């Protein structure tokens, strides 16, 4: 199940921007953060896919949601200009942002590569 994040919970689960100037991930496992809004059609399209992925990867990653209407400070902090925007946060290293409602297979590939460090070999 995806978990909503507020300004305060973001600081304890992802990054305490008031305490740290440099990126320091606070989580116990990698995460994907969906920046969304209720009025956004593509956000509503991707929501059930993220729910499915949260079940598939439940012991490996956390999937969070940030409502950009309710949490404009978080959206501004990450320079969100279009939604949905997805922030992939590995345990070590810098997070990576991707915009748009990506298909499930593409999301799975990015999760495996960026968050879980799995090398994907395509067989043709």
Protein backbone atom coordinates (compact mmCIF):
# COMPACT_ATOMS: atom_id res chain seq x y z
CA UNK A 1 0.00 0.00 0.00
CA UNK A 2 1.29 3.45 -0.86
CA UNK A 3 1.80 5.81 2.06
CA UNK A 4 0.96 9.54 2.01
CA UNK A 5 3.73 11.89 3.10
CA UNK A 6 3.30 15.27 4.73
CA UNK A 7 5.91 17.96 5.27
CA UNK A 8 6.66 16.52 8.72
CA UNK A 9 6.67 12.80 7.82
CA UNK A 10 8.88 13.54 4.80
CA UNK A 11 11.60 14.73 7.18
CA UNK A 12 11.58 11.48 9.19
CA UNK A 13 11.10 8.98 6.34
CA UNK A 14 13.04 10.55 3.46
CA UNK A 15 15.19 13.64 4.10
CA UNK A 16 15.39 16.09 6.99
CA UNK A 17 16.06 19.25 4.99
CA UNK A 18 15.96 21.39 8.13
CA UNK A 19 18.79 19.43 9.76
CA UNK A 20 20.96 18.59 6.71
CA UNK A 21 22.22 20.70 3.84
CA UNK A 22 23.61 17.73 1.89
CA UNK A 23 21.35 14.87 0.82
CA UNK A 24 21.09 12.24 3.58
CA UNK A 25 18.41 9.60 3.10
CA UNK A 26 16.56 8.83 6.35
CA UNK A 27 14.72 5.69 5.19
CA UNK A 28 15.30 2.06 6.04
CA UNK A 29 14.78 0.86 2.44
CA UNK A 30 14.78 2.55 -0.97
CA UNK A 31 11.66 4.46 -1.95
CA UNK A 32 9.68 5.86 -4.83
CA UNK A 33 7.81 9.11 -4.20
CA UNK A 34 4.84 10.03 -6.39
CA UNK A 35 4.15 13.78 -6.54
CA UNK A 36 0.49 14.01 -7.60
CA UNK A 37 -2.80 15.94 -7.34
CA UNK A 38 -6.42 14.77 -7.25
CA UNK A 39 -7.36 16.81 -10.37
CA UNK A 40 -4.58 15.24 -12.48
CA UNK A 41 -5.81 12.61 -14.97
CA UNK A 42 -2.41 10.93 -15.53
CA UNK A 43 -1.94 10.83 -11.72
CA UNK A 44 -5.21 8.91 -11.38
CA UNK A 45 -4.07 6.56 -14.17
CA UNK A 46 -0.79 5.69 -12.47
CA UNK A 47 -2.21 5.40 -8.92
CA UNK A 48 -3.47 1.78 -9.25
CA UNK A 49 -0.18 0.76 -10.88
CA UNK A 50 1.76 2.18 -7.92
CA UNK A 51 -0.57 0.30 -5.54
CA UNK A 52 0.18 -2.95 -7.40
CA UNK A 53 3.93 -2.26 -7.33
CA UNK A 54 3.78 -1.47 -3.61
CA UNK A 55 2.42 -5.00 -3.09
CA UNK A 56 4.94 -6.62 -5.46
CA UNK A 57 7.90 -4.86 -3.79
CA UNK A 58 6.46 -4.53 -0.26
CA UNK A 59 9.50 -6.00 1.52
CA UNK A 60 12.05 -4.24 -0.71
CA UNK A 61 10.96 -0.62 -1.21
CA UNK A 62 8.49 1.94 0.14
CA UNK A 63 6.17 3.81 -2.19
CA UNK A 64 5.07 7.21 -0.93
CA UNK A 65 2.68 9.83 -2.29
CA UNK A 66 2.95 13.60 -1.90
CA UNK A 67 -0.22 15.55 -2.69
CA UNK A 68 1.21 18.68 -4.31
CA UNK A 69 -1.94 20.66 -3.47
CA UNK A 70 -1.71 19.82 0.25
CA UNK A 71 2.12 20.01 0.40
CA UNK A 72 3.20 22.87 -1.91
CA UNK A 73 6.47 23.36 0.04
CA UNK A 74 7.62 19.82 -0.79
CA UNK A 75 6.63 20.24 -4.44
CA UNK A 76 8.54 23.54 -4.60
CA UNK A 77 11.59 22.04 -2.88
CA UNK A 78 11.90 19.46 -5.67
CA UNK A 79 10.99 21.89 -8.45
CA UNK A 80 7.87 19.98 -9.46
CA UNK A 81 6.47 21.64 -12.57
CA UNK A 82 4.45 18.78 -14.03
CA UNK A 83 2.69 15.88 -12.40
CA UNK A 84 2.90 13.06 -11.92
CA UNK A 85 6.58 13.35 -11.10
CA UNK A 86 8.31 10.34 -9.60
CA UNK A 87 11.35 10.56 -7.36
CA UNK A 88 13.40 7.35 -7.14
CA UNK A 89 15.44 7.35 -3.92
CA UNK A 90 18.13 4.67 -3.50
CA UNK A 91 19.65 3.79 -0.12
CA UNK A 92 22.95 5.34 -1.23
CA UNK A 93 23.53 7.99 -3.83
CA UNK A 94 21.40 10.77 -5.22
CA UNK A 95 17.69 10.49 -5.99
CA UNK A 96 16.50 10.67 -9.60
CA UNK A 97 13.35 12.43 -10.81
CA UNK A 98 11.23 11.34 -13.76
CA UNK A 99 8.10 13.08 -14.98
CA UNK A 100 5.05 11.46 -16.49
CA UNK A 101 2.79 8.47 -16.05
CA UNK A 102 5.15 5.66 -16.95
CA UNK A 103 3.82 2.18 -17.80
CA UNK A 104 4.13 -0.59 -15.19
CA UNK A 105 6.92 -2.44 -17.04
CA UNK A 106 9.01 0.74 -17.27
CA UNK A 107 8.46 1.48 -13.57
CA UNK A 108 9.43 -2.08 -12.65
CA UNK A 109 12.62 -1.79 -14.73
CA UNK A 110 13.58 1.54 -13.09
CA UNK A 111 12.85 0.19 -9.59
CA UNK A 112 14.97 -2.90 -10.25
CA UNK A 113 17.87 -0.91 -11.73
CA UNK A 114 17.89 2.33 -9.71
CA UNK A 115 16.55 1.23 -6.33
CA UNK A 116 17.51 -2.44 -6.06
CA UNK A 117 20.72 -2.39 -8.11
CA UNK A 118 19.66 -5.27 -10.33
CA UNK A 119 21.18 -5.48 -13.76
CA UNK A 120 18.59 -6.06 -16.42
CA UNK A 121 19.60 -8.17 -19.39
CA UNK A 122 17.28 -7.95 -22.34
CA UNK A 123 16.98 -11.11 -24.38
CA UNK A 124 15.88 -10.73 -27.97
